[in-house]
Amino acid sequence: MTLQHLRLAAPAIAISVVVAVLLGRIAWRWPRAGAVVLGAAGLLYSVPALPLLIVIPVLLGIPLRSGLTLVVALAVYGTALLAGTAAEAFRSVDPRVREAAEAMGYSRTGLLLRVDLPLALPVLLSGIRVISVSTVSLVTIGALVGIPSLGNLLTDGFQRGIQAEIVTGVVATMALAVLLDLVLVGLGIVLTPWNRRPSRRRARVGVPGPSAVPDVVPGVAR
């Protein structure tokens, strides 16, 4: 049941990240269009979960009790929640670094993959951590329409009045959310080594630490 829960949450989170990064890029590059996009994302996030679960099968022609229905709904919520953070992540990139990369002849794709995304990653990861916890929690709603997950422990426990089953479902869901969050924290440490704090000894003796800007532009002195 835990694996089934994770199988529903993981693709929804992945889709949310990809779509939100694209929308955030649009919002950063074209502010007027971005205002509309982010406004629409905010409206989508305000839609209650159960009505969305009912509308999606009608729009896409898929069964209500299909796991795909829940994945799409969760991806919508995750995208709506992450899009604003993605836009802020791109805004946090130092324009001077981009200018240096452009002067070296980087293409738009090169700027995105080797400059913007690496530098935006710390802010972006903070948003991904939020949607991962939110998505893992929202997967339980699928049990209300017959989609198997850890939410079945909650619905079955309520229907049969078994408190232990309810507590087990809550604890298991929380544990999975915390585990996924820890994985993302570790991933952030590995992917953004330039964000690590200098040692206390180095700070105490006044030796400057490594630059806060990663070496994403080869040939540019730190």
N, C-alpha and C. Protein backbone atom coordinates (compact mmCIF):
# COMPACT_ATOMS: atom_id res chain seq x y z
N MET A 1 0.83 -1.21 0.00
CA MET A 1 0.00 0.00 0.00
C MET A 1 0.87 1.27 0.00
N THR A 2 1.99 1.20 0.72
CA THR A 2 2.91 2.34 0.74
C THR A 2 3.52 2.57 -0.64
N LEU A 3 3.88 1.47 -1.32
CA LEU A 3 4.45 1.59 -2.66
C LEU A 3 3.42 2.15 -3.63
N GLN A 4 2.17 1.72 -3.49
CA GLN A 4 1.11 2.25 -4.34
C GLN A 4 0.95 3.75 -4.10
N HIS A 5 1.02 4.16 -2.84
CA HIS A 5 0.93 5.57 -2.49
C HIS A 5 2.06 6.35 -3.15
N LEU A 6 3.26 5.80 -3.09
CA LEU A 6 4.43 6.46 -3.69
C LEU A 6 4.34 6.48 -5.20
N ARG A 7 3.78 5.42 -5.80
CA ARG A 7 3.63 5.37 -7.26
C ARG A 7 2.66 6.44 -7.76
N LEU A 8 1.74 6.85 -6.92
CA LEU A 8 0.81 7.92 -7.30
C LEU A 8 1.44 9.29 -7.08
N ALA A 9 2.20 9.42 -6.00
CA ALA A 9 2.77 10.73 -5.65
C ALA A 9 3.95 11.10 -6.55
N ALA A 10 4.84 10.15 -6.81
CA ALA A 10 6.09 10.45 -7.53
C ALA A 10 5.86 11.04 -8.93
N PRO A 11 5.04 10.41 -9.79
CA PRO A 11 4.84 11.02 -11.11
C PRO A 11 4.15 12.37 -11.05
N ALA A 12 3.24 12.54 -10.09
CA ALA A 12 2.57 13.83 -9.94
C ALA A 12 3.57 14.93 -9.59
N ILE A 13 4.50 14.61 -8.69
CA ILE A 13 5.53 15.59 -8.31
C ILE A 13 6.43 15.90 -9.51
N ALA A 14 6.83 14.86 -10.24
CA ALA A 14 7.71 15.06 -11.39
C ALA A 14 7.05 15.94 -12.45
N ILE A 15 5.78 15.66 -12.75
CA ILE A 15 5.05 16.46 -13.74
C ILE A 15 4.92 17.90 -13.26
N SER A 16 4.62 18.06 -11.98
CA SER A 16 4.47 19.40 -11.40
C SER A 16 5.75 20.22 -11.57
N VAL A 17 6.88 19.59 -11.30
CA VAL A 17 8.17 20.30 -11.39
C VAL A 17 8.44 20.75 -12.82
N VAL A 18 8.26 19.84 -13.77
CA VAL A 18 8.54 20.17 -15.18
C VAL A 18 7.64 21.31 -15.67
N VAL A 19 6.34 21.17 -15.43
CA VAL A 19 5.39 22.18 -15.92
C VAL A 19 5.59 23.50 -15.18
N ALA A 20 5.81 23.45 -13.88
CA ALA A 20 5.98 24.68 -13.10
C ALA A 20 7.25 25.43 -13.51
N VAL A 21 8.31 24.70 -13.81
CA VAL A 21 9.55 25.35 -14.26
C VAL A 21 9.31 26.07 -15.59
N LEU A 22 8.58 25.43 -16.49
CA LEU A 22 8.26 26.07 -17.77
C LEU A 22 7.42 27.33 -17.56
N LEU A 23 6.40 27.22 -16.70
CA LEU A 23 5.55 28.38 -16.42
C LEU A 23 6.33 29.48 -15.70
N GLY A 24 7.19 29.07 -14.78
CA GLY A 24 8.02 30.05 -14.08
C GLY A 24 8.96 30.77 -15.02
N ARG A 25 9.49 30.04 -15.98
CA ARG A 25 10.38 30.64 -16.98
C ARG A 25 9.61 31.68 -17.81
N ILE A 26 8.39 31.32 -18.19
CA ILE A 26 7.55 32.25 -18.95
C ILE A 26 7.25 33.50 -18.12
N ALA A 27 6.89 33.28 -16.85
CA ALA A 27 6.57 34.40 -15.97
C ALA A 27 7.77 35.32 -15.77
N TRP A 28 8.97 34.74 -15.73
CA TRP A 28 10.18 35.55 -15.55
C TRP A 28 10.54 36.30 -16.83
N ARG A 29 10.40 35.64 -17.96
CA ARG A 29 10.84 36.24 -19.24
C ARG A 29 9.83 37.25 -19.77
N TRP A 30 8.54 36.95 -19.60
CA TRP A 30 7.48 37.86 -20.07
C TRP A 30 6.56 38.18 -18.90
N PRO A 31 6.86 39.21 -18.14
CA PRO A 31 6.13 39.51 -16.90
C PRO A 31 4.62 39.66 -17.08
N ARG A 32 4.19 40.29 -18.17
CA ARG A 32 2.74 40.48 -18.36
C ARG A 32 2.04 39.14 -18.55
N ALA A 33 2.61 38.32 -19.41
CA ALA A 33 2.03 36.98 -19.59
C ALA A 33 2.16 36.18 -18.30
N GLY A 34 3.26 36.40 -17.60
CA GLY A 34 3.47 35.69 -16.34
C GLY A 34 2.43 36.02 -15.30
N ALA A 35 1.99 37.28 -15.26
CA ALA A 35 0.97 37.67 -14.30
C ALA A 35 -0.32 36.90 -14.54
N VAL A 36 -0.65 36.71 -15.81
CA VAL A 36 -1.86 35.94 -16.15
C VAL A 36 -1.68 34.47 -15.78
N VAL A 37 -0.52 33.92 -16.11
CA VAL A 37 -0.24 32.51 -15.82
C VAL A 37 -0.27 32.24 -14.32
N LEU A 38 0.39 33.09 -13.55
CA LEU A 38 0.44 32.87 -12.10
C LEU A 38 -0.92 33.12 -11.46
N GLY A 39 -1.69 34.06 -12.03
CA GLY A 39 -3.04 34.28 -11.53
C GLY A 39 -3.93 33.06 -11.77
N ALA A 40 -3.80 32.47 -12.97
CA ALA A 40 -4.57 31.26 -13.27
C ALA A 40 -4.15 30.11 -12.38
N ALA A 41 -2.86 30.02 -12.09
CA ALA A 41 -2.37 28.97 -11.19
C ALA A 41 -2.96 29.12 -9.80
N GLY A 42 -3.05 30.35 -9.33
CA GLY A 42 -3.66 30.59 -8.02
C GLY A 42 -5.12 30.18 -7.98
N LEU A 43 -5.84 30.44 -9.07
CA LEU A 43 -7.25 30.05 -9.13
C LEU A 43 -7.39 28.53 -9.13
N LEU A 44 -6.53 27.85 -9.87
CA LEU A 44 -6.59 26.39 -9.91
C LEU A 44 -6.35 25.78 -8.53
N TYR A 45 -5.42 26.38 -7.79
CA TYR A 45 -5.11 25.83 -6.47
C TYR A 45 -6.27 26.01 -5.50
N SER A 46 -7.15 26.97 -5.79
CA SER A 46 -8.29 27.21 -4.90
C SER A 46 -9.46 26.26 -5.17
N VAL A 47 -9.38 25.48 -6.26
CA VAL A 47 -10.46 24.53 -6.57
C VAL A 47 -10.41 23.37 -5.58
N PRO A 48 -11.52 23.01 -4.95
CA PRO A 48 -11.53 21.88 -4.00
C PRO A 48 -11.13 20.57 -4.69
N ALA A 49 -10.54 19.67 -3.93
CA ALA A 49 -9.97 18.45 -4.50
C ALA A 49 -11.03 17.52 -5.10
N LEU A 50 -12.11 17.27 -4.37
CA LEU A 50 -13.11 16.31 -4.85
C LEU A 50 -13.78 16.76 -6.15
N PRO A 51 -14.22 18.02 -6.29
CA PRO A 51 -14.76 18.44 -7.58
C PRO A 51 -13.76 18.28 -8.72
N LEU A 52 -12.49 18.56 -8.43
CA LEU A 52 -11.47 18.40 -9.47
C LEU A 52 -11.33 16.94 -9.89
N LEU A 53 -11.40 16.03 -8.92
CA LEU A 53 -11.31 14.60 -9.22
C LEU A 53 -12.49 14.15 -10.08
N ILE A 54 -13.62 14.81 -9.95
CA ILE A 54 -14.81 14.44 -10.74
C ILE A 54 -14.75 15.06 -12.13
N VAL A 55 -14.22 16.27 -12.23
CA VAL A 55 -14.18 16.97 -13.52
C VAL A 55 -13.13 16.36 -14.45
N ILE A 56 -11.99 15.98 -13.92
CA ILE A 56 -10.89 15.48 -14.76
C ILE A 56 -11.29 14.27 -15.61
N PRO A 57 -11.97 13.24 -15.07
CA PRO A 57 -12.38 12.12 -15.92
C PRO A 57 -13.32 12.55 -17.04
N VAL A 58 -14.16 13.54 -16.77
CA VAL A 58 -15.09 14.04 -17.80
C VAL A 58 -14.31 14.72 -18.92
N LEU A 59 -13.31 15.51 -18.55
CA LEU A 59 -12.54 16.25 -19.55
C LEU A 59 -11.60 15.35 -20.35
N LEU A 60 -11.00 14.38 -19.68
CA LEU A 60 -9.99 13.53 -20.33
C LEU A 60 -10.53 12.19 -20.81
N GLY A 61 -11.75 11.85 -20.41
CA GLY A 61 -12.33 10.58 -20.83
C GLY A 61 -11.67 9.37 -20.21
N ILE A 62 -11.26 9.48 -18.95
CA ILE A 62 -10.63 8.37 -18.25
C ILE A 62 -11.50 7.97 -17.07
N PRO A 63 -11.38 6.74 -16.58
CA PRO A 63 -12.22 6.29 -15.46
C PRO A 63 -11.96 7.11 -14.19
N LEU A 64 -13.02 7.31 -13.43
CA LEU A 64 -12.90 8.07 -12.18
C LEU A 64 -11.95 7.40 -11.21
N ARG A 65 -12.00 6.06 -11.15
CA ARG A 65 -11.19 5.33 -10.19
C ARG A 65 -9.80 4.98 -10.71
N SER A 66 -9.43 5.57 -11.82
CA SER A 66 -8.09 5.33 -12.37
C SER A 66 -7.05 6.13 -11.59
N GLY A 67 -5.89 5.51 -11.41
CA GLY A 67 -4.80 6.23 -10.75
C GLY A 67 -4.38 7.45 -11.54
N LEU A 68 -4.57 7.41 -12.87
CA LEU A 68 -4.21 8.54 -13.72
C LEU A 68 -5.03 9.78 -13.36
N THR A 69 -6.28 9.56 -12.99
CA THR A 69 -7.13 10.69 -12.57
C THR A 69 -6.52 11.42 -11.39
N LEU A 70 -6.09 10.65 -10.41
CA LEU A 70 -5.50 11.25 -9.21
C LEU A 70 -4.16 11.91 -9.52
N VAL A 71 -3.35 11.27 -10.36
CA VAL A 71 -2.05 11.84 -10.72
C VAL A 71 -2.23 13.19 -11.41
N VAL A 72 -3.19 13.27 -12.33
CA VAL A 72 -3.44 14.54 -13.03
C VAL A 72 -3.89 15.61 -12.05
N ALA A 73 -4.80 15.25 -11.16
CA ALA A 73 -5.29 16.22 -10.17
C ALA A 73 -4.16 16.71 -9.27
N LEU A 74 -3.33 15.80 -8.82
CA LEU A 74 -2.21 16.18 -7.96
C LEU A 74 -1.19 17.03 -8.72
N ALA A 75 -1.00 16.71 -10.00
CA ALA A 75 -0.07 17.50 -10.81
C ALA A 75 -0.58 18.92 -11.00
N VAL A 76 -1.90 19.06 -11.14
CA VAL A 76 -2.49 20.40 -11.26
C VAL A 76 -2.23 21.21 -10.00
N TYR A 77 -2.49 20.59 -8.85
CA TYR A 77 -2.26 21.29 -7.58
C TYR A 77 -0.79 21.62 -7.39
N GLY A 78 0.08 20.65 -7.67
CA GLY A 78 1.51 20.87 -7.49
C GLY A 78 2.04 21.97 -8.39
N THR A 79 1.59 21.97 -9.65
CA THR A 79 2.02 23.00 -10.59
C THR A 79 1.56 24.38 -10.13
N ALA A 80 0.30 24.46 -9.70
CA ALA A 80 -0.25 25.73 -9.24
C ALA A 80 0.52 26.26 -8.03
N LEU A 81 0.94 25.36 -7.17
CA LEU A 81 1.65 25.76 -5.95
C LEU A 81 3.10 26.14 -6.23
N LEU A 82 3.71 25.49 -7.21
CA LEU A 82 5.15 25.67 -7.46
C LEU A 82 5.46 26.75 -8.49
N ALA A 83 4.50 27.10 -9.33
CA ALA A 83 4.79 28.03 -10.43
C ALA A 83 5.34 29.36 -9.94
N GLY A 84 4.73 29.92 -8.90
CA GLY A 84 5.21 31.20 -8.37
C GLY A 84 6.62 31.10 -7.82
N THR A 85 6.92 30.01 -7.14
CA THR A 85 8.27 29.81 -6.60
C THR A 85 9.28 29.67 -7.73
N ALA A 86 8.89 28.98 -8.81
CA ALA A 86 9.79 28.83 -9.95
C ALA A 86 10.13 30.18 -10.57
N ALA A 87 9.12 31.04 -10.68
CA ALA A 87 9.37 32.39 -11.22
C ALA A 87 10.34 33.15 -10.32
N GLU A 88 10.13 33.07 -9.01
CA GLU A 88 11.04 33.74 -8.07
C GLU A 88 12.45 33.15 -8.14
N ALA A 89 12.53 31.85 -8.39
CA ALA A 89 13.84 31.21 -8.49
C ALA A 89 14.64 31.78 -9.66
N PHE A 90 13.98 31.97 -10.80
CA PHE A 90 14.68 32.54 -11.95
C PHE A 90 15.04 34.01 -11.71
N ARG A 91 14.18 34.71 -10.97
CA ARG A 91 14.48 36.12 -10.66
C ARG A 91 15.67 36.25 -9.72
N SER A 92 15.95 35.19 -8.97
CA SER A 92 17.04 35.25 -8.00
C SER A 92 18.42 35.10 -8.64
N VAL A 93 18.46 34.72 -9.91
CA VAL A 93 19.74 34.54 -10.60
C VAL A 93 20.41 35.90 -10.82
N ASP A 94 21.68 36.00 -10.47
CA ASP A 94 22.43 37.25 -10.62
C ASP A 94 22.55 37.60 -12.11
N PRO A 95 22.03 38.76 -12.52
CA PRO A 95 22.10 39.14 -13.94
C PRO A 95 23.53 39.21 -14.47
N ARG A 96 24.50 39.51 -13.59
CA ARG A 96 25.89 39.62 -14.04
C ARG A 96 26.44 38.28 -14.52
N VAL A 97 25.98 37.21 -13.88
CA VAL A 97 26.42 35.88 -14.31
C VAL A 97 25.84 35.56 -15.68
N ARG A 98 24.59 35.92 -15.88
CA ARG A 98 23.96 35.69 -17.18
C ARG A 98 24.66 36.50 -18.27
N GLU A 99 25.00 37.75 -17.94
CA GLU A 99 25.68 38.60 -18.92
C GLU A 99 27.04 38.02 -19.29
N ALA A 100 27.74 37.47 -18.31
CA ALA A 100 29.04 36.85 -18.59
C ALA A 100 28.88 35.65 -19.51
N ALA A 101 27.85 34.85 -19.25
CA ALA A 101 27.60 33.68 -20.09
C ALA A 101 27.20 34.08 -21.50
N GLU A 102 26.37 35.11 -21.62
CA GLU A 102 25.96 35.59 -22.94
C GLU A 102 27.17 36.13 -23.71
N ALA A 103 28.07 36.81 -23.00
CA ALA A 103 29.26 37.34 -23.65
C ALA A 103 30.16 36.23 -24.18
N MET A 104 30.07 35.06 -23.56
CA MET A 104 30.88 33.91 -24.01
C MET A 104 30.18 33.13 -25.11
N GLY A 105 29.00 33.58 -25.52
CA GLY A 105 28.32 32.95 -26.64
C GLY A 105 27.37 31.82 -26.29
N TYR A 106 26.93 31.76 -25.05
CA TYR A 106 25.98 30.71 -24.66
C TYR A 106 24.66 30.90 -25.40
N SER A 107 24.09 29.81 -25.87
CA SER A 107 22.76 29.86 -26.47
C SER A 107 21.71 29.96 -25.37
N ARG A 108 20.45 30.15 -25.76
CA ARG A 108 19.38 30.22 -24.77
C ARG A 108 19.26 28.92 -23.99
N THR A 109 19.42 27.82 -24.73
CA THR A 109 19.36 26.52 -24.05
C THR A 109 20.53 26.35 -23.09
N GLY A 110 21.70 26.78 -23.53
CA GLY A 110 22.87 26.71 -22.67
C GLY A 110 22.72 27.55 -21.42
N LEU A 111 22.15 28.75 -21.58
CA LEU A 111 21.90 29.61 -20.43
C LEU A 111 20.95 28.96 -19.44
N LEU A 112 19.91 28.33 -19.99
CA LEU A 112 18.92 27.70 -19.12
C LEU A 112 19.51 26.53 -18.35
N LEU A 113 20.22 25.65 -19.08
CA LEU A 113 20.69 24.41 -18.48
C LEU A 113 21.96 24.58 -17.65
N ARG A 114 22.83 25.51 -18.03
CA ARG A 114 24.13 25.62 -17.37
C ARG A 114 24.28 26.84 -16.47
N VAL A 115 23.33 27.76 -16.55
CA VAL A 115 23.43 28.96 -15.71
C VAL A 115 22.17 29.14 -14.87
N ASP A 116 21.03 29.34 -15.54
CA ASP A 116 19.80 29.70 -14.82
C ASP A 116 19.32 28.60 -13.88
N LEU A 117 19.20 27.38 -14.40
CA LEU A 117 18.69 26.30 -13.55
C LEU A 117 19.60 25.99 -12.37
N PRO A 118 20.92 25.86 -12.58
CA PRO A 118 21.78 25.59 -11.42
C PRO A 118 21.69 26.68 -10.35
N LEU A 119 21.67 27.95 -10.77
CA LEU A 119 21.63 29.04 -9.80
C LEU A 119 20.25 29.20 -9.17
N ALA A 120 19.21 28.81 -9.90
CA ALA A 120 17.85 28.91 -9.37
C ALA A 120 17.49 27.71 -8.50
N LEU A 121 18.32 26.68 -8.55
CA LEU A 121 17.98 25.41 -7.89
C LEU A 121 17.72 25.53 -6.39
N PRO A 122 18.50 26.29 -5.61
CA PRO A 122 18.21 26.37 -4.17
C PRO A 122 16.80 26.85 -3.86
N VAL A 123 16.37 27.92 -4.54
CA VAL A 123 15.01 28.43 -4.32
C VAL A 123 13.99 27.44 -4.85
N LEU A 124 14.28 26.86 -6.01
CA LEU A 124 13.36 25.90 -6.61
C LEU A 124 13.17 24.67 -5.73
N LEU A 125 14.26 24.19 -5.15
CA LEU A 125 14.17 23.01 -4.29
C LEU A 125 13.32 23.26 -3.05
N SER A 126 13.36 24.48 -2.54
CA SER A 126 12.51 24.79 -1.38
C SER A 126 11.04 24.65 -1.74
N GLY A 127 10.68 25.06 -2.96
CA GLY A 127 9.30 24.89 -3.41
C GLY A 127 8.95 23.45 -3.69
N ILE A 128 9.91 22.69 -4.24
CA ILE A 128 9.67 21.28 -4.51
C ILE A 128 9.44 20.51 -3.22
N ARG A 129 10.16 20.88 -2.17
CA ARG A 129 9.95 20.22 -0.87
C ARG A 129 8.53 20.46 -0.37
N VAL A 130 8.03 21.66 -0.58
CA VAL A 130 6.66 21.97 -0.14
C VAL A 130 5.64 21.15 -0.91
N ILE A 131 5.78 21.10 -2.25
CA ILE A 131 4.78 20.36 -3.01
C ILE A 131 4.90 18.85 -2.81
N SER A 132 6.09 18.37 -2.48
CA SER A 132 6.23 16.93 -2.24
C SER A 132 5.46 16.51 -1.00
N VAL A 133 5.58 17.30 0.07
CA VAL A 133 4.82 17.00 1.29
C VAL A 133 3.33 17.15 1.04
N SER A 134 2.95 18.20 0.32
CA SER A 134 1.53 18.43 0.01
C SER A 134 0.96 17.30 -0.83
N THR A 135 1.73 16.86 -1.84
CA THR A 135 1.25 15.81 -2.74
C THR A 135 1.09 14.48 -2.02
N VAL A 136 2.08 14.12 -1.21
CA VAL A 136 1.99 12.87 -0.45
C VAL A 136 0.76 12.87 0.45
N SER A 137 0.44 14.01 1.02
CA SER A 137 -0.74 14.11 1.88
C SER A 137 -2.03 14.01 1.08
N LEU A 138 -2.06 14.68 -0.08
CA LEU A 138 -3.28 14.72 -0.89
C LEU A 138 -3.59 13.39 -1.57
N VAL A 139 -2.60 12.53 -1.72
CA VAL A 139 -2.86 11.21 -2.32
C VAL A 139 -3.94 10.46 -1.55
N THR A 140 -4.00 10.69 -0.24
CA THR A 140 -4.99 9.98 0.59
C THR A 140 -6.42 10.28 0.17
N ILE A 141 -6.65 11.43 -0.48
CA ILE A 141 -8.00 11.79 -0.91
C ILE A 141 -8.52 10.80 -1.94
N GLY A 142 -7.62 10.19 -2.70
CA GLY A 142 -8.04 9.23 -3.71
C GLY A 142 -8.84 8.08 -3.16
N ALA A 143 -8.63 7.75 -1.89
CA ALA A 143 -9.37 6.65 -1.27
C ALA A 143 -10.87 6.93 -1.24
N LEU A 144 -11.25 8.20 -1.25
CA LEU A 144 -12.68 8.55 -1.21
C LEU A 144 -13.40 8.16 -2.49
N VAL A 145 -12.65 8.04 -3.60
CA VAL A 145 -13.28 7.64 -4.86
C VAL A 145 -12.81 6.25 -5.29
N GLY A 146 -12.18 5.52 -4.39
CA GLY A 146 -11.82 4.13 -4.67
C GLY A 146 -10.45 3.91 -5.26
N ILE A 147 -9.54 4.88 -5.14
CA ILE A 147 -8.18 4.72 -5.65
C ILE A 147 -7.30 4.26 -4.49
N PRO A 148 -6.73 3.06 -4.55
CA PRO A 148 -5.98 2.50 -3.41
C PRO A 148 -4.75 3.34 -3.04
N SER A 149 -4.58 3.56 -1.74
CA SER A 149 -3.42 4.26 -1.21
C SER A 149 -3.44 4.11 0.31
N LEU A 150 -2.55 4.79 0.99
CA LEU A 150 -2.58 4.77 2.46
C LEU A 150 -3.86 5.41 2.99
N GLY A 151 -4.53 6.16 2.15
CA GLY A 151 -5.81 6.75 2.54
C GLY A 151 -6.86 5.70 2.84
N ASN A 152 -6.69 4.48 2.29
CA ASN A 152 -7.64 3.40 2.59
C ASN A 152 -7.65 3.07 4.07
N LEU A 153 -6.50 3.21 4.72
CA LEU A 153 -6.45 2.97 6.16
C LEU A 153 -7.31 3.98 6.91
N LEU A 154 -7.34 5.21 6.42
CA LEU A 154 -8.13 6.25 7.06
C LEU A 154 -9.62 6.02 6.85
N THR A 155 -10.02 5.79 5.59
CA THR A 155 -11.44 5.60 5.31
C THR A 155 -11.98 4.33 5.97
N ASP A 156 -11.20 3.26 5.90
CA ASP A 156 -11.64 2.00 6.52
C ASP A 156 -11.70 2.14 8.04
N GLY A 157 -10.72 2.85 8.59
CA GLY A 157 -10.72 3.05 10.04
C GLY A 157 -11.90 3.86 10.52
N PHE A 158 -12.26 4.90 9.76
CA PHE A 158 -13.42 5.71 10.12
C PHE A 158 -14.72 4.93 9.99
N GLN A 159 -14.84 4.16 8.90
CA GLN A 159 -16.07 3.40 8.67
C GLN A 159 -16.29 2.32 9.71
N ARG A 160 -15.20 1.70 10.15
CA ARG A 160 -15.31 0.59 11.10
C ARG A 160 -15.02 1.01 12.53
N GLY A 161 -14.67 2.28 12.72
CA GLY A 161 -14.41 2.77 14.07
C GLY A 161 -13.15 2.19 14.69
N ILE A 162 -12.14 1.92 13.87
CA ILE A 162 -10.88 1.36 14.38
C ILE A 162 -9.84 2.48 14.46
N GLN A 163 -9.62 2.98 15.66
CA GLN A 163 -8.72 4.11 15.85
C GLN A 163 -7.28 3.77 15.47
N ALA A 164 -6.85 2.54 15.78
CA ALA A 164 -5.47 2.14 15.48
C ALA A 164 -5.19 2.20 13.98
N GLU A 165 -6.18 1.84 13.19
CA GLU A 165 -6.00 1.86 11.73
C GLU A 165 -5.88 3.30 11.24
N ILE A 166 -6.65 4.20 11.82
CA ILE A 166 -6.57 5.62 11.45
C ILE A 166 -5.20 6.18 11.79
N VAL A 167 -4.75 5.89 13.01
CA VAL A 167 -3.44 6.38 13.44
C VAL A 167 -2.33 5.82 12.56
N THR A 168 -2.45 4.55 12.21
CA THR A 168 -1.45 3.92 11.34
C THR A 168 -1.38 4.62 9.99
N GLY A 169 -2.54 4.94 9.42
CA GLY A 169 -2.58 5.64 8.14
C GLY A 169 -1.95 7.02 8.21
N VAL A 170 -2.26 7.75 9.29
CA VAL A 170 -1.70 9.10 9.46
C VAL A 170 -0.19 9.04 9.64
N VAL A 171 0.26 8.14 10.50
CA VAL A 171 1.70 8.03 10.77
C VAL A 171 2.46 7.58 9.52
N ALA A 172 1.90 6.61 8.79
CA ALA A 172 2.57 6.12 7.58
C ALA A 172 2.67 7.23 6.53
N THR A 173 1.61 8.01 6.38
CA THR A 173 1.62 9.11 5.41
C THR A 173 2.65 10.17 5.81
N MET A 174 2.68 10.51 7.09
CA MET A 174 3.65 11.50 7.58
C MET A 174 5.08 11.00 7.41
N ALA A 175 5.29 9.72 7.70
CA ALA A 175 6.63 9.15 7.58
C ALA A 175 7.11 9.18 6.13
N LEU A 176 6.21 8.87 5.20
CA LEU A 176 6.57 8.90 3.79
C LEU A 176 6.90 10.32 3.34
N ALA A 177 6.12 11.29 3.82
CA ALA A 177 6.37 12.69 3.47
C ALA A 177 7.71 13.16 4.01
N VAL A 178 8.01 12.79 5.25
CA VAL A 178 9.29 13.18 5.86
C VAL A 178 10.46 12.52 5.14
N LEU A 179 10.31 11.25 4.79
CA LEU A 179 11.37 10.54 4.07
C LEU A 179 11.66 11.20 2.73
N LEU A 180 10.60 11.53 2.00
CA LEU A 180 10.78 12.18 0.71
C LEU A 180 11.43 13.55 0.87
N ASP A 181 11.06 14.26 1.93
CA ASP A 181 11.65 15.57 2.19
C ASP A 181 13.15 15.44 2.48
N LEU A 182 13.52 14.43 3.25
CA LEU A 182 14.94 14.20 3.56
C LEU A 182 15.73 13.87 2.29
N VAL A 183 15.12 13.11 1.40
CA VAL A 183 15.77 12.79 0.13
C VAL A 183 16.04 14.07 -0.66
N LEU A 184 15.06 14.96 -0.68
CA LEU A 184 15.21 16.22 -1.41
C LEU A 184 16.26 17.12 -0.77
N VAL A 185 16.33 17.11 0.56
CA VAL A 185 17.37 17.88 1.26
C VAL A 185 18.75 17.37 0.87
N GLY A 186 18.91 16.05 0.88
CA GLY A 186 20.18 15.46 0.47
C GLY A 186 20.52 15.76 -0.97
N LEU A 187 19.50 15.72 -1.83
CA LEU A 187 19.71 16.04 -3.24
C LEU A 187 20.17 17.49 -3.40
N GLY A 188 19.57 18.37 -2.61
CA GLY A 188 19.96 19.77 -2.67
C GLY A 188 21.41 19.98 -2.25
N ILE A 189 21.85 19.26 -1.23
CA ILE A 189 23.24 19.37 -0.77
C ILE A 189 24.21 18.90 -1.84
N VAL A 190 23.83 17.81 -2.52
CA VAL A 190 24.71 17.26 -3.56
C VAL A 190 24.75 18.17 -4.79
N LEU A 191 23.60 18.70 -5.20
CA LEU A 191 23.51 19.47 -6.43
C LEU A 191 23.93 20.93 -6.28
N THR A 192 23.94 21.43 -5.05
CA THR A 192 24.32 22.84 -4.84
C THR A 192 25.45 22.94 -3.81
N PRO A 193 26.61 22.39 -4.12
CA PRO A 193 27.72 22.41 -3.16
C PRO A 193 28.20 23.82 -2.82
N TRP A 194 27.96 24.78 -3.73
CA TRP A 194 28.41 26.15 -3.47
C TRP A 194 27.61 26.82 -2.34
N ASN A 195 26.49 26.20 -1.94
CA ASN A 195 25.69 26.78 -0.86
C ASN A 195 26.12 26.31 0.52
N ARG A 196 27.07 25.39 0.58
CA ARG A 196 27.51 24.91 1.88
C ARG A 196 28.24 26.02 2.62
N ARG A 197 27.99 26.10 3.90
CA ARG A 197 28.62 27.14 4.70
C ARG A 197 30.11 26.84 4.89
N PRO A 198 30.95 27.88 4.87
CA PRO A 198 32.37 27.64 5.17
C PRO A 198 32.53 27.21 6.61
N SER A 199 33.62 26.52 6.88
CA SER A 199 33.84 26.03 8.24
C SER A 199 33.99 27.18 9.21
N ARG A 200 33.68 26.91 10.49
CA ARG A 200 33.80 27.95 11.51
C ARG A 200 35.24 28.45 11.63
N ARG A 201 36.15 27.51 11.49
CA ARG A 201 37.56 27.90 11.61
C ARG A 201 37.94 28.88 10.53
N ARG A 202 37.49 28.62 9.32
CA ARG A 202 37.81 29.51 8.21
C ARG A 202 37.20 30.88 8.44
N ALA A 203 35.94 30.89 8.92
CA ALA A 203 35.28 32.16 9.17
C ALA A 203 35.97 32.91 10.31
N ARG A 204 36.49 32.17 11.31
CA ARG A 204 37.09 32.79 12.48
C ARG A 204 38.42 33.46 12.14
N VAL A 205 39.20 32.84 11.27
CA VAL A 205 40.51 33.41 10.94
C VAL A 205 40.42 34.40 9.79
N GLY A 206 39.21 34.56 9.25
CA GLY A 206 39.02 35.57 8.23
C GLY A 206 39.42 35.16 6.84
N VAL A 207 39.55 33.86 6.59
CA VAL A 207 39.88 33.38 5.25
C VAL A 207 38.61 33.32 4.44
N PRO A 208 38.53 33.96 3.29
CA PRO A 208 37.30 33.96 2.50
C PRO A 208 36.94 32.57 2.04
N GLY A 209 35.66 32.27 2.09
CA GLY A 209 35.18 30.96 1.66
C GLY A 209 35.01 30.93 0.16
N PRO A 210 34.55 29.80 -0.37
CA PRO A 210 34.34 29.69 -1.80
C PRO A 210 33.23 30.61 -2.25
N SER A 211 33.26 31.02 -3.48
CA SER A 211 32.23 31.91 -4.00
C SER A 211 30.87 31.27 -3.91
N ALA A 212 29.87 32.11 -3.71
CA ALA A 212 28.50 31.60 -3.64
C ALA A 212 27.97 31.27 -5.01
N VAL A 213 28.73 31.64 -6.07
CA VAL A 213 28.29 31.39 -7.43
C VAL A 213 28.99 30.15 -7.95
N PRO A 214 28.24 29.13 -8.42
CA PRO A 214 28.87 27.92 -8.91
C PRO A 214 29.65 28.17 -10.18
N ASP A 215 30.60 27.30 -10.46
CA ASP A 215 31.43 27.45 -11.64
C ASP A 215 30.69 26.91 -12.85
N VAL A 216 29.57 27.60 -13.20
CA VAL A 216 28.76 27.15 -14.32
C VAL A 216 29.20 27.79 -15.63
N VAL A 217 30.04 28.82 -15.52
CA VAL A 217 30.54 29.47 -16.72
C VAL A 217 32.03 29.21 -16.82
N PRO A 218 32.45 28.20 -17.58
CA PRO A 218 33.86 27.85 -17.68
C PRO A 218 34.69 29.03 -18.16
N GLY A 219 35.85 29.16 -17.56
CA GLY A 219 36.77 30.19 -18.00
C GLY A 219 36.59 31.52 -17.30
N VAL A 220 35.52 31.68 -16.52
CA VAL A 220 35.30 32.93 -15.79
C VAL A 220 35.85 32.75 -14.40
N ALA A 221 36.75 33.62 -13.99
CA ALA A 221 37.37 33.49 -12.67
C ALA A 221 36.34 33.69 -11.60
N ARG A 222 36.48 32.91 -10.52
CA ARG A 222 35.53 33.05 -9.43
C ARG A 222 35.82 34.33 -8.66
